[in-house]
Amino acid sequence: MRAARKDPKARLYVPLFVLIGIYTGRRKEAILSLRWPQIDLKANRINFEIEGRAVTKKRRGQIPIPTPLLAHLIRARRRGTDLGHVLHINGKAIGNLKKGFAAACERAGLHGVTPHTLRHTAATWIMQSGVPTWEAAAFLSMSETTLTRVYGHHHPDYMRAAADAIGNRRRGIGA
């Protein structure tokens, strides 16, 4: 975040992109296309769906705003327009933030990090926190199968039942 704030050109939109990405686990395109009418600061909800957009496998979903993100969105809202994009440069939508994001990562000494890394981090943190997989999958707008296959090993209950079962096996049975 500090590295992202150091660039005068990108210091407003790159840090906000990182915050939205890390706290919502959404893909880059879902974040870049987000407009203020999709964010309800009173009800604390973000609707990443775009009306009229064809439904694809890359679902977007609607989620409650995570508490740490709310204050950042309120501040950003003061800088935005009622109908405009949440992430913008002088009111214009950001087409791509590859350069700004890459520059911030370079200043921070991070290698191999892409905007999609934020989604991976969010999923990992949610799983490490022990959230039930059905709820985590719904929040991240991904299938429970994918979440379990890719991030399941981060869950504190991963293989716990199997370990307990083998540990509680009575002697002499099956020997």
C-alpha atoms as a PDB file:
ATOM      1  CA  MET A   1       0.000   0.000   0.000  1.00  0.00           C
ATOM      2  CA  ARG A   2       2.821   2.408   0.848  1.00  0.00           C
ATOM      3  CA  ALA A   3       4.477   1.701  -2.493  1.00  0.00           C
ATOM      4  CA  ALA A   4       1.199   2.284  -4.337  1.00  0.00           C
ATOM      5  CA  ARG A   5       0.691   5.644  -2.617  1.00  0.00           C
ATOM      6  CA  LYS A   6       4.138   6.914  -3.659  1.00  0.00           C
ATOM      7  CA  ASP A   7       3.211   7.291  -7.331  1.00  0.00           C
ATOM      8  CA  PRO A   8       1.531  10.686  -7.773  1.00  0.00           C
ATOM      9  CA  LYS A   9      -0.276   9.514 -10.952  1.00  0.00           C
ATOM     10  CA  ALA A  10      -1.718   6.353  -9.442  1.00  0.00           C
ATOM     11  CA  ARG A  11      -1.805   7.071  -5.733  1.00  0.00           C
ATOM     12  CA  LEU A  12      -5.586   7.352  -5.604  1.00  0.00           C
ATOM     13  CA  TYR A  13      -6.729   4.467  -7.779  1.00  0.00           C
ATOM     14  CA  VAL A  14      -4.050   1.780  -7.280  1.00  0.00           C
ATOM     15  CA  PRO A  15      -4.346   1.681  -3.465  1.00  0.00           C
ATOM     16  CA  LEU A  16      -8.157   1.614  -3.708  1.00  0.00           C
ATOM     17  CA  PHE A  17      -7.932  -1.155  -6.309  1.00  0.00           C
ATOM     18  CA  VAL A  18      -5.717  -3.174  -3.947  1.00  0.00           C
ATOM     19  CA  LEU A  19      -8.097  -2.632  -1.025  1.00  0.00           C
ATOM     20  CA  ILE A  20     -11.176  -3.622  -3.017  1.00  0.00           C
ATOM     21  CA  GLY A  21      -9.342  -6.620  -4.448  1.00  0.00           C
ATOM     22  CA  ILE A  22      -8.021  -7.912  -1.149  1.00  0.00           C
ATOM     23  CA  TYR A  23     -11.253  -7.361   0.804  1.00  0.00           C
ATOM     24  CA  THR A  24     -13.687  -8.654  -1.827  1.00  0.00           C
ATOM     25  CA  GLY A  25     -11.635 -11.223  -3.717  1.00  0.00           C
ATOM     26  CA  ARG A  26     -13.001  -9.978  -7.029  1.00  0.00           C
ATOM     27  CA  ARG A  27     -11.323 -10.189 -10.422  1.00  0.00           C
ATOM     28  CA  LYS A  28      -9.625  -7.148 -11.959  1.00  0.00           C
ATOM     29  CA  GLU A  29     -12.347  -6.539 -14.541  1.00  0.00           C
ATOM     30  CA  ALA A  30     -15.141  -6.667 -11.935  1.00  0.00           C
ATOM     31  CA  ILE A  31     -13.333  -4.025  -9.877  1.00  0.00           C
ATOM     32  CA  LEU A  32     -12.437  -1.757 -12.808  1.00  0.00           C
ATOM     33  CA  SER A  33     -16.028  -1.775 -14.112  1.00  0.00           C
ATOM     34  CA  LEU A  34     -17.527  -1.012 -10.679  1.00  0.00           C
ATOM     35  CA  ARG A  35     -19.636   2.160 -10.602  1.00  0.00           C
ATOM     36  CA  TRP A  36     -20.974   4.061  -7.595  1.00  0.00           C
ATOM     37  CA  PRO A  37     -24.638   3.075  -8.100  1.00  0.00           C
ATOM     38  CA  GLN A  38     -23.508  -0.533  -7.494  1.00  0.00           C
ATOM     39  CA  ILE A  39     -22.284   0.381  -4.007  1.00  0.00           C
ATOM     40  CA  ASP A  40     -24.824   0.985  -1.270  1.00  0.00           C
ATOM     41  CA  LEU A  41     -22.891   2.579   1.589  1.00  0.00           C
ATOM     42  CA  LYS A  42     -25.993   2.737   3.818  1.00  0.00           C
ATOM     43  CA  ALA A  43     -26.874  -0.942   3.437  1.00  0.00           C
ATOM     44  CA  ASN A  44     -23.152  -1.848   3.318  1.00  0.00           C
ATOM     45  CA  ARG A  45     -23.439  -3.874   0.104  1.00  0.00           C
ATOM     46  CA  ILE A  46     -21.593  -4.063  -3.199  1.00  0.00           C
ATOM     47  CA  ASN A  47     -23.299  -5.492  -6.260  1.00  0.00           C
ATOM     48  CA  PHE A  48     -20.599  -6.477  -8.737  1.00  0.00           C
ATOM     49  CA  GLU A  49     -23.188  -7.648 -11.278  1.00  0.00           C
ATOM     50  CA  ILE A  50     -23.757  -5.428 -14.301  1.00  0.00           C
ATOM     51  CA  GLU A  51     -27.349  -5.150 -15.438  1.00  0.00           C
ATOM     52  CA  GLY A  52     -27.778  -6.565 -18.921  1.00  0.00           C
ATOM     53  CA  ARG A  53     -24.379  -8.286 -18.914  1.00  0.00           C
ATOM     54  CA  ALA A  54     -24.434 -11.892 -20.049  1.00  0.00           C
ATOM     55  CA  VAL A  55     -23.925 -14.336 -17.183  1.00  0.00           C
ATOM     56  CA  THR A  56     -20.664 -16.246 -17.599  1.00  0.00           C
ATOM     57  CA  LYS A  57     -18.672 -18.728 -15.540  1.00  0.00           C
ATOM     58  CA  LYS A  58     -16.830 -15.753 -14.038  1.00  0.00           C
ATOM     59  CA  ARG A  59     -19.600 -14.797 -11.676  1.00  0.00           C
ATOM     60  CA  ARG A  60     -19.420 -11.476  -9.849  1.00  0.00           C
ATOM     61  CA  GLY A  61     -22.053 -11.594  -7.138  1.00  0.00           C
ATOM     62  CA  GLN A  62     -23.304  -9.264  -4.445  1.00  0.00           C
ATOM     63  CA  ILE A  63     -21.630  -9.087  -1.035  1.00  0.00           C
ATOM     64  CA  PRO A  64     -21.679  -7.178   2.241  1.00  0.00           C
ATOM     65  CA  ILE A  65     -18.903  -4.590   2.425  1.00  0.00           C
ATOM     66  CA  PRO A  66     -16.135  -5.832   4.718  1.00  0.00           C
ATOM     67  CA  THR A  67     -15.753  -3.416   7.649  1.00  0.00           C
ATOM     68  CA  PRO A  68     -12.123  -2.391   6.930  1.00  0.00           C
ATOM     69  CA  LEU A  69     -13.078  -1.462   3.341  1.00  0.00           C
ATOM     70  CA  LEU A  70     -16.070   0.696   4.252  1.00  0.00           C
ATOM     71  CA  ALA A  71     -14.140   3.782   5.432  1.00  0.00           C
ATOM     72  CA  HIS A  72     -11.976   3.720   2.298  1.00  0.00           C
ATOM     73  CA  LEU A  73     -15.053   3.573   0.079  1.00  0.00           C
ATOM     74  CA  ILE A  74     -16.681   6.456   1.954  1.00  0.00           C
ATOM     75  CA  ARG A  75     -13.563   8.604   1.407  1.00  0.00           C
ATOM     76  CA  ALA A  76     -13.356   7.586  -2.249  1.00  0.00           C
ATOM     77  CA  ARG A  77     -17.048   8.360  -2.706  1.00  0.00           C
ATOM     78  CA  ARG A  78     -16.412  11.969  -1.730  1.00  0.00           C
ATOM     79  CA  ARG A  79     -13.908  12.222  -4.632  1.00  0.00           C
ATOM     80  CA  GLY A  80     -16.196  10.529  -7.199  1.00  0.00           C
ATOM     81  CA  THR A  81     -19.285  11.370  -9.145  1.00  0.00           C
ATOM     82  CA  ASP A  82     -22.691   9.876  -8.443  1.00  0.00           C
ATOM     83  CA  LEU A  83     -22.741   7.741 -11.570  1.00  0.00           C
ATOM     84  CA  GLY A  84     -19.054   7.440 -12.386  1.00  0.00           C
ATOM     85  CA  HIS A  85     -16.598   4.630 -11.976  1.00  0.00           C
ATOM     86  CA  VAL A  86     -15.237   3.957  -8.504  1.00  0.00           C
ATOM     87  CA  LEU A  87     -11.710   3.755  -9.916  1.00  0.00           C
ATOM     88  CA  HIS A  88     -11.049   6.596 -12.323  1.00  0.00           C
ATOM     89  CA  ILE A  89      -8.558   9.158 -13.530  1.00  0.00           C
ATOM     90  CA  ASN A  90     -10.138  12.599 -13.608  1.00  0.00           C
ATOM     91  CA  GLY A  91     -13.581  11.039 -13.949  1.00  0.00           C
ATOM     92  CA  LYS A  92     -12.638   8.679 -16.791  1.00  0.00           C
ATOM     93  CA  ALA A  93     -12.709   4.914 -16.358  1.00  0.00           C
ATOM     94  CA  ILE A  94      -9.362   3.189 -16.075  1.00  0.00           C
ATOM     95  CA  GLY A  95      -8.841   0.938 -19.067  1.00  0.00           C
ATOM     96  CA  ASN A  96      -5.992  -0.996 -17.512  1.00  0.00           C
ATOM     97  CA  LEU A  97      -3.837  -0.595 -14.460  1.00  0.00           C
ATOM     98  CA  LYS A  98      -1.030  -2.989 -15.396  1.00  0.00           C
ATOM     99  CA  LYS A  99       1.662  -0.314 -15.368  1.00  0.00           C
ATOM    100  CA  GLY A 100       0.594   1.358 -12.116  1.00  0.00           C
ATOM    101  CA  PHE A 101       0.118  -1.967 -10.330  1.00  0.00           C
ATOM    102  CA  ALA A 102       3.413  -3.364 -11.636  1.00  0.00           C
ATOM    103  CA  ALA A 103       5.260  -0.193 -10.637  1.00  0.00           C
ATOM    104  CA  ALA A 104       3.843  -0.353  -7.102  1.00  0.00           C
ATOM    105  CA  CYS A 105       4.845  -4.017  -6.820  1.00  0.00           C
ATOM    106  CA  GLU A 106       8.341  -3.204  -8.045  1.00  0.00           C
ATOM    107  CA  ARG A 107       8.721  -0.379  -5.509  1.00  0.00           C
ATOM    108  CA  ALA A 108       7.553  -2.777  -2.792  1.00  0.00           C
ATOM    109  CA  GLY A 109      10.017  -5.448  -3.897  1.00  0.00           C
ATOM    110  CA  LEU A 110       7.256  -7.902  -4.839  1.00  0.00           C
ATOM    111  CA  HIS A 111       7.881 -10.221  -7.784  1.00  0.00           C
ATOM    112  CA  GLY A 112       5.372 -12.360  -9.652  1.00  0.00           C
ATOM    113  CA  VAL A 113       2.425 -10.458  -8.192  1.00  0.00           C
ATOM    114  CA  THR A 114      -0.502  -9.642 -10.477  1.00  0.00           C
ATOM    115  CA  PRO A 115      -3.909  -8.148  -9.745  1.00  0.00           C
ATOM    116  CA  HIS A 116      -5.296 -11.707  -9.644  1.00  0.00           C
ATOM    117  CA  THR A 117      -2.962 -12.419  -6.716  1.00  0.00           C
ATOM    118  CA  LEU A 118      -5.328 -10.306  -4.600  1.00  0.00           C
ATOM    119  CA  ARG A 119      -8.134 -12.805  -5.286  1.00  0.00           C
ATOM    120  CA  HIS A 120      -5.871 -15.692  -4.282  1.00  0.00           C
ATOM    121  CA  THR A 121      -4.890 -13.875  -1.094  1.00  0.00           C
ATOM    122  CA  ALA A 122      -8.509 -13.129  -0.174  1.00  0.00           C
ATOM    123  CA  ALA A 123      -9.513 -16.766  -0.694  1.00  0.00           C
ATOM    124  CA  THR A 124      -6.544 -17.989   1.337  1.00  0.00           C
ATOM    125  CA  TRP A 125      -7.256 -15.610   4.234  1.00  0.00           C
ATOM    126  CA  ILE A 126     -10.937 -16.562   4.280  1.00  0.00           C
ATOM    127  CA  MET A 127     -10.083 -20.257   4.386  1.00  0.00           C
ATOM    128  CA  GLN A 128      -7.396 -19.750   7.060  1.00  0.00           C
ATOM    129  CA  SER A 129     -10.039 -18.018   9.176  1.00  0.00           C
ATOM    130  CA  GLY A 130     -12.122 -21.196   9.225  1.00  0.00           C
ATOM    131  CA  VAL A 131     -15.160 -19.809   7.392  1.00  0.00           C
ATOM    132  CA  PRO A 132     -17.451 -22.640   6.230  1.00  0.00           C
ATOM    133  CA  THR A 133     -16.629 -23.479   2.617  1.00  0.00           C
ATOM    134  CA  TRP A 134     -20.198 -22.864   1.388  1.00  0.00           C
ATOM    135  CA  GLU A 135     -20.120 -19.333   2.812  1.00  0.00           C
ATOM    136  CA  ALA A 136     -16.593 -18.595   1.573  1.00  0.00           C
ATOM    137  CA  ALA A 137     -17.496 -19.807  -1.916  1.00  0.00           C
ATOM    138  CA  ALA A 138     -20.623 -17.641  -1.985  1.00  0.00           C
ATOM    139  CA  PHE A 139     -18.681 -14.558  -0.840  1.00  0.00           C
ATOM    140  CA  LEU A 140     -15.995 -15.094  -3.489  1.00  0.00           C
ATOM    141  CA  SER A 141     -18.568 -15.990  -6.184  1.00  0.00           C
ATOM    142  CA  MET A 142     -16.827 -19.255  -6.985  1.00  0.00           C
ATOM    143  CA  SER A 143     -18.014 -22.812  -6.775  1.00  0.00           C
ATOM    144  CA  GLU A 144     -17.481 -24.661  -3.522  1.00  0.00           C
ATOM    145  CA  THR A 145     -15.736 -27.391  -5.529  1.00  0.00           C
ATOM    146  CA  THR A 146     -13.164 -24.950  -6.904  1.00  0.00           C
ATOM    147  CA  LEU A 147     -12.658 -23.288  -3.538  1.00  0.00           C
ATOM    148  CA  THR A 148     -12.077 -26.622  -1.806  1.00  0.00           C
ATOM    149  CA  ARG A 149      -9.816 -27.968  -4.562  1.00  0.00           C
ATOM    150  CA  VAL A 150      -7.602 -24.879  -4.791  1.00  0.00           C
ATOM    151  CA  TYR A 151      -7.710 -23.410  -1.271  1.00  0.00           C
ATOM    152  CA  GLY A 152      -9.033 -26.220   0.933  1.00  0.00           C
ATOM    153  CA  HIS A 153      -5.617 -27.045   2.397  1.00  0.00           C
ATOM    154  CA  HIS A 154      -5.582 -23.613   4.062  1.00  0.00           C
ATOM    155  CA  HIS A 155      -8.688 -24.375   6.149  1.00  0.00           C
ATOM    156  CA  PRO A 156      -7.918 -25.263   9.800  1.00  0.00           C
ATOM    157  CA  ASP A 157     -10.274 -28.260   9.565  1.00  0.00           C
ATOM    158  CA  TYR A 158      -8.489 -29.649   6.483  1.00  0.00           C
ATOM    159  CA  MET A 159      -8.211 -33.432   6.998  1.00  0.00           C
ATOM    160  CA  ARG A 160      -9.065 -33.020  10.713  1.00  0.00           C
ATOM    161  CA  ALA A 161     -11.832 -35.640  10.629  1.00  0.00           C
ATOM    162  CA  ALA A 162      -9.503 -38.155   8.959  1.00  0.00           C
ATOM    163  CA  ALA A 163      -6.738 -37.469  11.472  1.00  0.00           C
ATOM    164  CA  ASP A 164      -9.167 -37.826  14.386  1.00  0.00           C
ATOM    165  CA  ALA A 165     -10.613 -41.044  12.937  1.00  0.00           C
ATOM    166  CA  ILE A 166      -7.245 -42.704  12.551  1.00  0.00           C
ATOM    167  CA  GLY A 167      -6.150 -41.437  15.939  1.00  0.00           C
ATOM    168  CA  ASN A 168      -9.237 -42.859  17.629  1.00  0.00           C
ATOM    169  CA  ARG A 169      -9.067 -46.274  15.927  1.00  0.00           C
ATOM    170  CA  ARG A 170      -9.433 -49.079  18.437  1.00  0.00           C
ATOM    171  CA  ARG A 171      -6.505 -51.447  18.685  1.00  0.00           C
ATOM    172  CA  GLY A 172      -6.960 -54.884  17.209  1.00  0.00           C
ATOM    173  CA  ILE A 173      -9.584 -53.852  14.654  1.00  0.00           C
ATOM    174  CA  GLY A 174      -8.449 -54.624  11.133  1.00  0.00           C
ATOM    175  CA  ALA A 175      -5.020 -55.760  12.302  1.00  0.00           C
END
